[in-house]
Amino acid sequence: MSNPSIADIDIKLLRVFCTIVECGGFSQAQSELNLSRSTISTHMANLETRLGFKLCSRGRAGFALTARGGAVYEASRSMLSSIDAYHGQIGQLKERIVGEVSIGVVDNLITNTECRLRDAIRDALAAFRDLRIVLRIGPPDQIEEQLVRGKVQMAISPEFPARKNVSQRPLFIEKQQLICGKGHPLFSTQDGAMTPELIAEQNFVRRGFVSVLTPYSTFFNRPALAVSHQMEGLAHFILSGNCVGFLPEIYANYWVDRQEMRVIRADQFCFDVPICLSRHEGPQHTMAASHVYDTILKVHGAKV
């Protein structure tokens, strides 16, 4: 790509490259791109040939960007975002809602019946056939970072500390309960014996991200025994019987109903987490992003 002009093929290859980086490797990107691994490898080889240098290493050690590859990714993501914004603006001139809208969503919200994202997706897509919605699922800290860096246009996640020019609109409440698994000493302990002093001495699993909403220091006197960045990881540790931990009530009910988990004194050791819809505020919102944002608020009963 020695010529400074960028052809359509370059944009296509750069989109493939960005997807590979964001998925964390060739194999992980297959379903996202709907391409075979060999086709993805061919696209990457063509891109590296056109650029004249290596973008990444891939092999037994895993996928890793080179220094130049990291710089190309940042530049490409900026350029592609500008292209998407351009298409959105052209669509606005035609008074049609077109383009792609990326939403960051915290993992395992699908188990919460208060989450009406499926209804919002159905309604938003039914209204405009040229709209494309992309969901990026991950732990809260990752979703927040993607929103701040502009990789997603809005986010559905637990409330986080205020950030400049970022709004947060409450959608619903997720109740967190303290849980132990079958095999843990507290599993067969009477409720009356579950004193704050007893709980304070228990080994526990914590989330791998900092959250002012989770009161670990309020309930426990010792450091965490285990850490997980995903909800499923917390459940694995709790089910092992080695530690207690906080899980959303509806998520934990699957195992509670099967008597594989037990709720520990829901009247004492629980707290509520507001789940919010967040976005940067300003005049830069495309009609597509505004339409999806308003639809999410509407289906959750919030004022648009």
C-alpha atoms as a PDB file:
ATOM      1  CA  MET A   1       0.000   0.000   0.000  1.00  0.00           C
ATOM      2  CA  SER A   2       2.845   2.350  -0.912  1.00  0.00           C
ATOM      3  CA  ASN A   3       0.356   4.549  -2.781  1.00  0.00           C
ATOM      4  CA  PRO A   4      -1.361   6.800  -0.195  1.00  0.00           C
ATOM      5  CA  SER A   5      -4.785   6.192  -1.774  1.00  0.00           C
ATOM      6  CA  ILE A   6      -6.831   3.414  -0.146  1.00  0.00           C
ATOM      7  CA  ALA A   7      -8.813   1.043  -2.341  1.00  0.00           C
ATOM      8  CA  ASP A   8     -11.988  -0.847  -1.409  1.00  0.00           C
ATOM      9  CA  ILE A   9      -9.961  -4.039  -1.074  1.00  0.00           C
ATOM     10  CA  ASP A  10      -7.731  -2.357   1.521  1.00  0.00           C
ATOM     11  CA  ILE A  11     -10.763  -1.347   3.580  1.00  0.00           C
ATOM     12  CA  LYS A  12     -12.111  -4.901   3.392  1.00  0.00           C
ATOM     13  CA  LEU A  13      -8.786  -6.373   4.516  1.00  0.00           C
ATOM     14  CA  LEU A  14      -8.433  -3.834   7.324  1.00  0.00           C
ATOM     15  CA  ARG A  15     -11.930  -4.707   8.590  1.00  0.00           C
ATOM     16  CA  VAL A  16     -10.897  -8.373   8.675  1.00  0.00           C
ATOM     17  CA  PHE A  17      -7.702  -7.445  10.516  1.00  0.00           C
ATOM     18  CA  CYS A  18      -9.549  -5.350  13.141  1.00  0.00           C
ATOM     19  CA  THR A  19     -12.036  -8.161  13.747  1.00  0.00           C
ATOM     20  CA  ILE A  20      -9.189 -10.653  14.263  1.00  0.00           C
ATOM     21  CA  VAL A  21      -7.553  -8.332  16.810  1.00  0.00           C
ATOM     22  CA  GLU A  22     -10.806  -7.709  18.694  1.00  0.00           C
ATOM     23  CA  CYS A  23     -11.657 -11.428  18.755  1.00  0.00           C
ATOM     24  CA  GLY A  24      -8.168 -12.350  19.930  1.00  0.00           C
ATOM     25  CA  GLY A  25      -7.059 -14.550  17.058  1.00  0.00           C
ATOM     26  CA  PHE A  26      -7.834 -16.241  13.741  1.00  0.00           C
ATOM     27  CA  SER A  27      -9.886 -19.140  15.119  1.00  0.00           C
ATOM     28  CA  GLN A  28     -11.994 -16.891  17.352  1.00  0.00           C
ATOM     29  CA  ALA A  29     -12.732 -14.562  14.413  1.00  0.00           C
ATOM     30  CA  GLN A  30     -14.139 -17.287  12.154  1.00  0.00           C
ATOM     31  CA  SER A  31     -17.721 -17.093  13.404  1.00  0.00           C
ATOM     32  CA  GLU A  32     -17.650 -13.285  13.594  1.00  0.00           C
ATOM     33  CA  LEU A  33     -16.440 -12.994   9.979  1.00  0.00           C
ATOM     34  CA  ASN A  34     -18.269 -16.093   8.706  1.00  0.00           C
ATOM     35  CA  LEU A  35     -15.068 -17.111   6.946  1.00  0.00           C
ATOM     36  CA  SER A  36     -12.890 -20.214   7.085  1.00  0.00           C
ATOM     37  CA  ARG A  37      -9.532 -20.037   8.854  1.00  0.00           C
ATOM     38  CA  SER A  38      -7.701 -20.550   5.554  1.00  0.00           C
ATOM     39  CA  THR A  39      -9.574 -17.630   3.957  1.00  0.00           C
ATOM     40  CA  ILE A  40      -8.782 -15.418   6.946  1.00  0.00           C
ATOM     41  CA  SER A  41      -5.102 -16.409   6.707  1.00  0.00           C
ATOM     42  CA  THR A  42      -5.106 -15.549   3.006  1.00  0.00           C
ATOM     43  CA  HIS A  43      -6.644 -12.130   3.696  1.00  0.00           C
ATOM     44  CA  MET A  44      -4.029 -11.414   6.356  1.00  0.00           C
ATOM     45  CA  ALA A  45      -1.193 -12.500   4.094  1.00  0.00           C
ATOM     46  CA  ASN A  46      -2.525 -10.215   1.341  1.00  0.00           C
ATOM     47  CA  LEU A  47      -2.795  -7.284   3.756  1.00  0.00           C
ATOM     48  CA  GLU A  48       0.751  -7.775   5.034  1.00  0.00           C
ATOM     49  CA  THR A  49       1.988  -7.955   1.443  1.00  0.00           C
ATOM     50  CA  ARG A  50       0.197  -4.730   0.540  1.00  0.00           C
ATOM     51  CA  LEU A  51       1.554  -2.973   3.626  1.00  0.00           C
ATOM     52  CA  GLY A  52       5.048  -4.372   3.293  1.00  0.00           C
ATOM     53  CA  PHE A  53       5.506  -5.539   6.902  1.00  0.00           C
ATOM     54  CA  LYS A  54       4.317  -8.147   9.405  1.00  0.00           C
ATOM     55  CA  LEU A  55       1.261  -7.296  11.502  1.00  0.00           C
ATOM     56  CA  CYS A  56       1.079 -10.232  13.895  1.00  0.00           C
ATOM     57  CA  SER A  57       2.475 -13.563  14.906  1.00  0.00           C
ATOM     58  CA  ARG A  58       0.303 -16.644  15.043  1.00  0.00           C
ATOM     59  CA  GLY A  59       1.297 -20.137  16.011  1.00  0.00           C
ATOM     60  CA  ARG A  60       1.623 -22.389  19.036  1.00  0.00           C
ATOM     61  CA  ALA A  61       2.390 -19.420  21.260  1.00  0.00           C
ATOM     62  CA  GLY A  62      -0.904 -17.827  20.262  1.00  0.00           C
ATOM     63  CA  PHE A  63      -1.913 -14.646  18.493  1.00  0.00           C
ATOM     64  CA  ALA A  64       0.064 -11.469  19.167  1.00  0.00           C
ATOM     65  CA  LEU A  65       0.358  -8.106  17.415  1.00  0.00           C
ATOM     66  CA  THR A  66       3.701  -6.721  16.383  1.00  0.00           C
ATOM     67  CA  ALA A  67       4.494  -3.118  17.363  1.00  0.00           C
ATOM     68  CA  ARG A  68       3.622  -2.017  13.820  1.00  0.00           C
ATOM     69  CA  GLY A  69       0.512  -4.187  13.922  1.00  0.00           C
ATOM     70  CA  GLY A  70      -0.714  -2.392  17.039  1.00  0.00           C
ATOM     71  CA  ALA A  71      -0.213   0.974  15.376  1.00  0.00           C
ATOM     72  CA  VAL A  72      -2.026  -0.200  12.230  1.00  0.00           C
ATOM     73  CA  TYR A  73      -4.923  -1.480  14.340  1.00  0.00           C
ATOM     74  CA  GLU A  74      -5.394   1.865  16.117  1.00  0.00           C
ATOM     75  CA  ALA A  75      -5.189   3.797  12.848  1.00  0.00           C
ATOM     76  CA  SER A  76      -7.518   1.359  11.083  1.00  0.00           C
ATOM     77  CA  ARG A  77     -10.120   1.431  13.844  1.00  0.00           C
ATOM     78  CA  SER A  78     -10.141   5.229  13.699  1.00  0.00           C
ATOM     79  CA  MET A  79     -10.493   5.227   9.918  1.00  0.00           C
ATOM     80  CA  LEU A  80     -13.238   2.571   9.881  1.00  0.00           C
ATOM     81  CA  SER A  81     -15.191   4.420  12.558  1.00  0.00           C
ATOM     82  CA  SER A  82     -15.014   7.536  10.383  1.00  0.00           C
ATOM     83  CA  ILE A  83     -16.242   5.575   7.365  1.00  0.00           C
ATOM     84  CA  ASP A  84     -19.168   4.154   9.363  1.00  0.00           C
ATOM     85  CA  ALA A  85     -20.006   7.646  10.619  1.00  0.00           C
ATOM     86  CA  TYR A  86     -19.879   8.907   7.025  1.00  0.00           C
ATOM     87  CA  HIS A  87     -22.339   6.254   5.868  1.00  0.00           C
ATOM     88  CA  GLY A  88     -24.573   7.111   8.810  1.00  0.00           C
ATOM     89  CA  GLN A  89     -24.505  10.794   7.933  1.00  0.00           C
ATOM     90  CA  ILE A  90     -25.295  10.076   4.281  1.00  0.00           C
ATOM     91  CA  GLY A  91     -28.185   7.939   5.442  1.00  0.00           C
ATOM     92  CA  GLN A  92     -29.460  10.826   7.535  1.00  0.00           C
ATOM     93  CA  LEU A  93     -29.384  13.047   4.450  1.00  0.00           C
ATOM     94  CA  LYS A  94     -31.619  10.488   2.760  1.00  0.00           C
ATOM     95  CA  GLU A  95     -33.856  10.429   5.856  1.00  0.00           C
ATOM     96  CA  ARG A  96     -33.214   6.727   6.332  1.00  0.00           C
ATOM     97  CA  ILE A  97     -31.690   4.981   9.296  1.00  0.00           C
ATOM     98  CA  VAL A  98     -28.733   2.958   8.064  1.00  0.00           C
ATOM     99  CA  GLY A  99     -25.400   1.803   9.431  1.00  0.00           C
ATOM    100  CA  GLU A 100     -23.956  -0.228  12.249  1.00  0.00           C
ATOM    101  CA  VAL A 101     -24.595   0.293  15.951  1.00  0.00           C
ATOM    102  CA  SER A 102     -22.281  -1.392  18.468  1.00  0.00           C
ATOM    103  CA  ILE A 103     -23.562  -2.115  21.974  1.00  0.00           C
ATOM    104  CA  GLY A 104     -21.430  -3.360  24.844  1.00  0.00           C
ATOM    105  CA  VAL A 105     -23.383  -5.713  27.121  1.00  0.00           C
ATOM    106  CA  VAL A 106     -22.229  -7.152  30.439  1.00  0.00           C
ATOM    107  CA  ASP A 107     -22.028 -10.949  30.444  1.00  0.00           C
ATOM    108  CA  ASN A 108     -24.949 -13.159  31.574  1.00  0.00           C
ATOM    109  CA  LEU A 109     -27.636 -10.473  31.546  1.00  0.00           C
ATOM    110  CA  ILE A 110     -29.623 -12.833  29.341  1.00  0.00           C
ATOM    111  CA  THR A 111     -30.645 -14.799  32.449  1.00  0.00           C
ATOM    112  CA  ASN A 112     -32.304 -11.723  33.966  1.00  0.00           C
ATOM    113  CA  THR A 113     -35.975 -11.479  32.970  1.00  0.00           C
ATOM    114  CA  GLU A 114     -35.845  -7.717  33.609  1.00  0.00           C
ATOM    115  CA  CYS A 115     -33.427  -7.343  30.715  1.00  0.00           C
ATOM    116  CA  ARG A 116     -35.512  -6.592  27.617  1.00  0.00           C
ATOM    117  CA  LEU A 117     -32.636  -6.281  25.163  1.00  0.00           C
ATOM    118  CA  ARG A 118     -34.093  -8.983  22.921  1.00  0.00           C
ATOM    119  CA  ASP A 119     -37.281  -6.924  22.574  1.00  0.00           C
ATOM    120  CA  ALA A 120     -35.290  -3.784  21.790  1.00  0.00           C
ATOM    121  CA  ILE A 121     -33.328  -5.599  19.084  1.00  0.00           C
ATOM    122  CA  ARG A 122     -36.514  -6.967  17.536  1.00  0.00           C
ATOM    123  CA  ASP A 123     -38.259  -3.576  17.527  1.00  0.00           C
ATOM    124  CA  ALA A 124     -35.224  -1.633  16.278  1.00  0.00           C
ATOM    125  CA  LEU A 125     -34.524  -4.009  13.383  1.00  0.00           C
ATOM    126  CA  ALA A 126     -38.196  -4.286  12.448  1.00  0.00           C
ATOM    127  CA  ALA A 127     -38.396  -0.531  11.956  1.00  0.00           C
ATOM    128  CA  PHE A 128     -35.375  -0.186   9.636  1.00  0.00           C
ATOM    129  CA  ARG A 129     -34.106  -3.012   7.423  1.00  0.00           C
ATOM    130  CA  ASP A 130     -30.759  -1.288   6.692  1.00  0.00           C
ATOM    131  CA  LEU A 131     -29.811  -1.160  10.372  1.00  0.00           C
ATOM    132  CA  ARG A 132     -27.126  -3.511  11.689  1.00  0.00           C
ATOM    133  CA  ILE A 133     -26.630  -4.140  15.422  1.00  0.00           C
ATOM    134  CA  VAL A 134     -23.418  -5.611  16.869  1.00  0.00           C
ATOM    135  CA  LEU A 135     -23.306  -6.855  20.464  1.00  0.00           C
ATOM    136  CA  ARG A 136     -19.997  -7.089  22.318  1.00  0.00           C
ATOM    137  CA  ILE A 137     -20.363  -9.198  25.468  1.00  0.00           C
ATOM    138  CA  GLY A 138     -17.858  -8.998  28.304  1.00  0.00           C
ATOM    139  CA  PRO A 139     -17.209  -8.231  31.979  1.00  0.00           C
ATOM    140  CA  PRO A 140     -18.183  -4.745  33.252  1.00  0.00           C
ATOM    141  CA  ASP A 141     -14.690  -3.247  33.260  1.00  0.00           C
ATOM    142  CA  GLN A 142     -14.113  -4.331  29.648  1.00  0.00           C
ATOM    143  CA  ILE A 143     -17.479  -2.934  28.540  1.00  0.00           C
ATOM    144  CA  GLU A 144     -16.787   0.379  30.290  1.00  0.00           C
ATOM    145  CA  GLU A 145     -13.362   0.630  28.629  1.00  0.00           C
ATOM    146  CA  GLN A 146     -14.852  -0.097  25.191  1.00  0.00           C
ATOM    147  CA  LEU A 147     -17.388   2.702  25.721  1.00  0.00           C
ATOM    148  CA  VAL A 148     -14.737   5.189  26.827  1.00  0.00           C
ATOM    149  CA  ARG A 149     -12.480   4.329  23.873  1.00  0.00           C
ATOM    150  CA  GLY A 150     -15.334   4.586  21.392  1.00  0.00           C
ATOM    151  CA  LYS A 151     -15.336   0.910  20.376  1.00  0.00           C
ATOM    152  CA  VAL A 152     -19.040   0.721  21.241  1.00  0.00           C
ATOM    153  CA  GLN A 153     -21.612   3.491  20.897  1.00  0.00           C
ATOM    154  CA  MET A 154     -23.511   2.574  24.047  1.00  0.00           C
ATOM    155  CA  ALA A 155     -23.314   0.075  26.883  1.00  0.00           C
ATOM    156  CA  ILE A 156     -25.624  -1.915  29.137  1.00  0.00           C
ATOM    157  CA  SER A 157     -23.719  -2.616  32.331  1.00  0.00           C
ATOM    158  CA  PRO A 158     -23.703  -2.066  36.105  1.00  0.00           C
ATOM    159  CA  GLU A 159     -23.559   1.567  37.148  1.00  0.00           C
ATOM    160  CA  PHE A 160     -19.967   2.834  37.274  1.00  0.00           C
ATOM    161  CA  PRO A 161     -18.360   5.975  38.735  1.00  0.00           C
ATOM    162  CA  ALA A 162     -19.252   9.136  36.826  1.00  0.00           C
ATOM    163  CA  ARG A 163     -17.113   9.927  33.783  1.00  0.00           C
ATOM    164  CA  LYS A 164     -16.982  13.230  31.945  1.00  0.00           C
ATOM    165  CA  ASN A 165     -19.593  13.529  29.174  1.00  0.00           C
ATOM    166  CA  VAL A 166     -20.920  10.003  29.785  1.00  0.00           C
ATOM    167  CA  SER A 167     -24.586   9.630  30.756  1.00  0.00           C
ATOM    168  CA  GLN A 168     -26.058   6.642  32.584  1.00  0.00           C
ATOM    169  CA  ARG A 169     -29.799   5.876  32.454  1.00  0.00           C
ATOM    170  CA  PRO A 170     -31.112   3.175  34.866  1.00  0.00           C
ATOM    171  CA  LEU A 171     -32.902   0.291  33.141  1.00  0.00           C
ATOM    172  CA  PHE A 172     -33.514  -2.194  35.981  1.00  0.00           C
ATOM    173  CA  ILE A 173     -32.089  -3.519  39.244  1.00  0.00           C
ATOM    174  CA  GLU A 174     -30.087  -6.736  39.610  1.00  0.00           C
ATOM    175  CA  LYS A 175     -30.168  -8.214  43.136  1.00  0.00           C
ATOM    176  CA  GLN A 176     -26.886  -9.770  44.266  1.00  0.00           C
ATOM    177  CA  GLN A 177     -26.930 -12.507  46.914  1.00  0.00           C
ATOM    178  CA  LEU A 178     -24.197 -14.214  48.901  1.00  0.00           C
ATOM    179  CA  ILE A 179     -24.027 -17.861  47.826  1.00  0.00           C
ATOM    180  CA  CYS A 180     -22.254 -21.038  48.913  1.00  0.00           C
ATOM    181  CA  GLY A 181     -22.099 -24.376  47.107  1.00  0.00           C
ATOM    182  CA  LYS A 182     -22.940 -27.897  48.199  1.00  0.00           C
ATOM    183  CA  GLY A 183     -19.978 -29.237  50.144  1.00  0.00           C
ATOM    184  CA  HIS A 184     -19.164 -25.907  51.750  1.00  0.00           C
ATOM    185  CA  PRO A 185     -19.438 -25.928  55.590  1.00  0.00           C
ATOM    186  CA  LEU A 186     -22.116 -23.211  55.482  1.00  0.00           C
ATOM    187  CA  PHE A 187     -24.349 -25.233  53.162  1.00  0.00           C
ATOM    188  CA  SER A 188     -25.894 -27.116  56.099  1.00  0.00           C
ATOM    189  CA  THR A 189     -25.525 -24.375  58.726  1.00  0.00           C
ATOM    190  CA  GLN A 190     -28.719 -23.061  60.290  1.00  0.00           C
ATOM    191  CA  ASP A 191     -29.727 -19.507  59.353  1.00  0.00           C
ATOM    192  CA  GLY A 192     -29.570 -18.397  62.976  1.00  0.00           C
ATOM    193  CA  ALA A 193     -25.882 -19.304  63.130  1.00  0.00           C
ATOM    194  CA  MET A 194     -25.011 -17.237  60.030  1.00  0.00           C
ATOM    195  CA  THR A 195     -23.683 -14.259  61.953  1.00  0.00           C
ATOM    196  CA  PRO A 196     -21.667 -11.416  60.384  1.00  0.00           C
ATOM    197  CA  GLU A 197     -18.677 -12.644  62.424  1.00  0.00           C
ATOM    198  CA  LEU A 198     -18.930 -16.119  60.885  1.00  0.00           C
ATOM    199  CA  ILE A 199     -19.277 -14.758  57.345  1.00  0.00           C
ATOM    200  CA  ALA A 200     -16.342 -12.392  57.852  1.00  0.00           C
ATOM    201  CA  GLU A 201     -13.980 -15.354  58.312  1.00  0.00           C
ATOM    202  CA  GLN A 202     -15.050 -17.258  55.168  1.00  0.00           C
ATOM    203  CA  ASN A 203     -12.916 -17.716  52.080  1.00  0.00           C
ATOM    204  CA  PHE A 204     -14.575 -15.944  49.151  1.00  0.00           C
ATOM    205  CA  VAL A 205     -14.236 -15.433  45.402  1.00  0.00           C
ATOM    206  CA  ARG A 206     -14.263 -11.881  44.099  1.00  0.00           C
ATOM    207  CA  ARG A 207     -14.716 -10.340  40.683  1.00  0.00           C
ATOM    208  CA  GLY A 208     -11.536  -9.496  38.820  1.00  0.00           C
ATOM    209  CA  PHE A 209     -12.491  -5.875  38.327  1.00  0.00           C
ATOM    210  CA  VAL A 210     -12.800  -3.029  40.803  1.00  0.00           C
ATOM    211  CA  SER A 211     -16.416  -2.248  41.694  1.00  0.00           C
ATOM    212  CA  VAL A 212     -17.514   0.191  44.360  1.00  0.00           C
ATOM    213  CA  LEU A 213     -20.895  -1.563  44.293  1.00  0.00           C
ATOM    214  CA  THR A 214     -19.622  -4.886  45.663  1.00  0.00           C
ATOM    215  CA  PRO A 215     -19.064  -4.532  49.445  1.00  0.00           C
ATOM    216  CA  TYR A 216     -16.355  -7.159  49.970  1.00  0.00           C
ATOM    217  CA  SER A 217     -14.619  -5.129  52.672  1.00  0.00           C
ATOM    218  CA  THR A 218     -17.933  -4.721  54.502  1.00  0.00           C
ATOM    219  CA  PHE A 219     -18.530  -8.463  54.826  1.00  0.00           C
ATOM    220  CA  PHE A 220     -15.083 -10.122  54.834  1.00  0.00           C
ATOM    221  CA  ASN A 221     -11.963  -9.713  56.984  1.00  0.00           C
ATOM    222  CA  ARG A 222      -9.496 -11.436  54.665  1.00  0.00           C
ATOM    223  CA  PRO A 223      -8.295 -11.183  51.054  1.00  0.00           C
ATOM    224  CA  ALA A 224     -10.139 -13.163  48.404  1.00  0.00           C
ATOM    225  CA  LEU A 225      -9.214 -16.810  47.912  1.00  0.00           C
ATOM    226  CA  ALA A 226     -10.050 -16.734  44.196  1.00  0.00           C
ATOM    227  CA  VAL A 227     -10.743 -14.272  41.380  1.00  0.00           C
ATOM    228  CA  SER A 228     -12.833 -14.406  38.208  1.00  0.00           C
ATOM    229  CA  HIS A 229     -13.547 -11.745  35.582  1.00  0.00           C
ATOM    230  CA  GLN A 230     -16.666 -13.553  34.320  1.00  0.00           C
ATOM    231  CA  MET A 231     -19.865 -14.562  36.105  1.00  0.00           C
ATOM    232  CA  GLU A 232     -19.473 -18.181  35.028  1.00  0.00           C
ATOM    233  CA  GLY A 233     -16.078 -18.322  36.708  1.00  0.00           C
ATOM    234  CA  LEU A 234     -17.606 -17.132  39.996  1.00  0.00           C
ATOM    235  CA  ALA A 235     -20.174 -19.925  39.749  1.00  0.00           C
ATOM    236  CA  HIS A 236     -17.457 -22.547  39.183  1.00  0.00           C
ATOM    237  CA  PHE A 237     -15.580 -21.462  42.326  1.00  0.00           C
ATOM    238  CA  ILE A 238     -18.754 -21.407  44.414  1.00  0.00           C
ATOM    239  CA  LEU A 239     -19.852 -24.834  43.144  1.00  0.00           C
ATOM    240  CA  SER A 240     -16.443 -26.224  44.124  1.00  0.00           C
ATOM    241  CA  GLY A 241     -17.405 -25.774  47.774  1.00  0.00           C
ATOM    242  CA  ASN A 242     -14.187 -23.921  48.569  1.00  0.00           C
ATOM    243  CA  CYS A 243     -15.567 -20.415  48.916  1.00  0.00           C
ATOM    244  CA  VAL A 244     -18.613 -18.204  49.031  1.00  0.00           C
ATOM    245  CA  GLY A 245     -19.333 -15.400  46.601  1.00  0.00           C
ATOM    246  CA  PHE A 246     -21.890 -12.949  45.249  1.00  0.00           C
ATOM    247  CA  LEU A 247     -24.072 -13.894  42.272  1.00  0.00           C
ATOM    248  CA  PRO A 248     -27.169 -12.282  40.745  1.00  0.00           C
ATOM    249  CA  GLU A 249     -30.272 -13.830  42.304  1.00  0.00           C
ATOM    250  CA  ILE A 250     -31.806 -14.950  38.998  1.00  0.00           C
ATOM    251  CA  TYR A 251     -28.500 -16.364  37.732  1.00  0.00           C
ATOM    252  CA  ALA A 252     -27.952 -18.385  40.931  1.00  0.00           C
ATOM    253  CA  ASN A 253     -31.515 -19.747  40.980  1.00  0.00           C
ATOM    254  CA  TYR A 254     -30.588 -22.410  38.404  1.00  0.00           C
ATOM    255  CA  TRP A 255     -28.331 -24.124  40.958  1.00  0.00           C
ATOM    256  CA  VAL A 256     -30.328 -23.137  44.041  1.00  0.00           C
ATOM    257  CA  ASP A 257     -33.386 -24.923  42.622  1.00  0.00           C
ATOM    258  CA  ARG A 258     -31.239 -28.041  42.141  1.00  0.00           C
ATOM    259  CA  GLN A 259     -29.915 -27.774  45.700  1.00  0.00           C
ATOM    260  CA  GLU A 260     -26.366 -27.340  44.418  1.00  0.00           C
ATOM    261  CA  MET A 261     -26.135 -23.801  45.831  1.00  0.00           C
ATOM    262  CA  ARG A 262     -27.603 -22.098  48.849  1.00  0.00           C
ATOM    263  CA  VAL A 263     -28.415 -18.448  49.483  1.00  0.00           C
ATOM    264  CA  ILE A 264     -26.796 -17.167  52.694  1.00  0.00           C
ATOM    265  CA  ARG A 265     -29.162 -14.974  54.708  1.00  0.00           C
ATOM    266  CA  ALA A 266     -30.745 -12.941  51.918  1.00  0.00           C
ATOM    267  CA  ASP A 267     -32.063 -10.578  54.594  1.00  0.00           C
ATOM    268  CA  GLN A 268     -28.524  -9.544  55.612  1.00  0.00           C
ATOM    269  CA  PHE A 269     -25.934 -10.348  52.964  1.00  0.00           C
ATOM    270  CA  CYS A 270     -27.295  -8.906  49.727  1.00  0.00           C
ATOM    271  CA  PHE A 271     -27.239  -5.673  47.744  1.00  0.00           C
ATOM    272  CA  ASP A 272     -28.790  -4.154  44.619  1.00  0.00           C
ATOM    273  CA  VAL A 273     -26.890  -3.184  41.471  1.00  0.00           C
ATOM    274  CA  PRO A 274     -28.465  -0.695  39.042  1.00  0.00           C
ATOM    275  CA  ILE A 275     -28.060  -1.834  35.425  1.00  0.00           C
ATOM    276  CA  CYS A 276     -27.749   1.246  33.218  1.00  0.00           C
ATOM    277  CA  LEU A 277     -27.698   2.257  29.575  1.00  0.00           C
ATOM    278  CA  SER A 278     -24.643   4.489  29.022  1.00  0.00           C
ATOM    279  CA  ARG A 279     -23.325   6.581  26.162  1.00  0.00           C
ATOM    280  CA  HIS A 280     -21.214   9.644  25.412  1.00  0.00           C
ATOM    281  CA  GLU A 281     -23.354  12.754  25.217  1.00  0.00           C
ATOM    282  CA  GLY A 282     -22.917  15.201  22.372  1.00  0.00           C
ATOM    283  CA  PRO A 283     -24.006  16.007  18.818  1.00  0.00           C
ATOM    284  CA  GLN A 284     -22.106  13.104  17.266  1.00  0.00           C
ATOM    285  CA  HIS A 285     -24.845  10.469  17.560  1.00  0.00           C
ATOM    286  CA  THR A 286     -26.036   9.046  14.255  1.00  0.00           C
ATOM    287  CA  MET A 287     -29.744   8.535  13.642  1.00  0.00           C
ATOM    288  CA  ALA A 288     -29.139   4.787  13.849  1.00  0.00           C
ATOM    289  CA  ALA A 289     -27.474   5.009  17.274  1.00  0.00           C
ATOM    290  CA  SER A 290     -30.146   7.361  18.584  1.00  0.00           C
ATOM    291  CA  HIS A 291     -32.895   5.050  17.303  1.00  0.00           C
ATOM    292  CA  VAL A 292     -31.401   2.010  19.053  1.00  0.00           C
ATOM    293  CA  TYR A 293     -30.733   3.980  22.251  1.00  0.00           C
ATOM    294  CA  ASP A 294     -34.306   5.299  22.397  1.00  0.00           C
ATOM    295  CA  THR A 295     -35.710   1.838  21.642  1.00  0.00           C
ATOM    296  CA  ILE A 296     -33.761   0.263  24.522  1.00  0.00           C
ATOM    297  CA  LEU A 297     -35.065   2.924  26.903  1.00  0.00           C
ATOM    298  CA  LYS A 298     -38.623   2.505  25.639  1.00  0.00           C
ATOM    299  CA  VAL A 299     -38.857  -1.264  26.072  1.00  0.00           C
ATOM    300  CA  HIS A 300     -37.509  -0.922  29.620  1.00  0.00           C
ATOM    301  CA  GLY A 301     -40.158   1.666  30.470  1.00  0.00           C
ATOM    302  CA  ALA A 302     -37.730   4.562  30.795  1.00  0.00           C
ATOM    303  CA  LYS A 303     -38.542   8.023  29.473  1.00  0.00           C
ATOM    304  CA  VAL A 304     -36.984   8.725  26.074  1.00  0.00           C
END
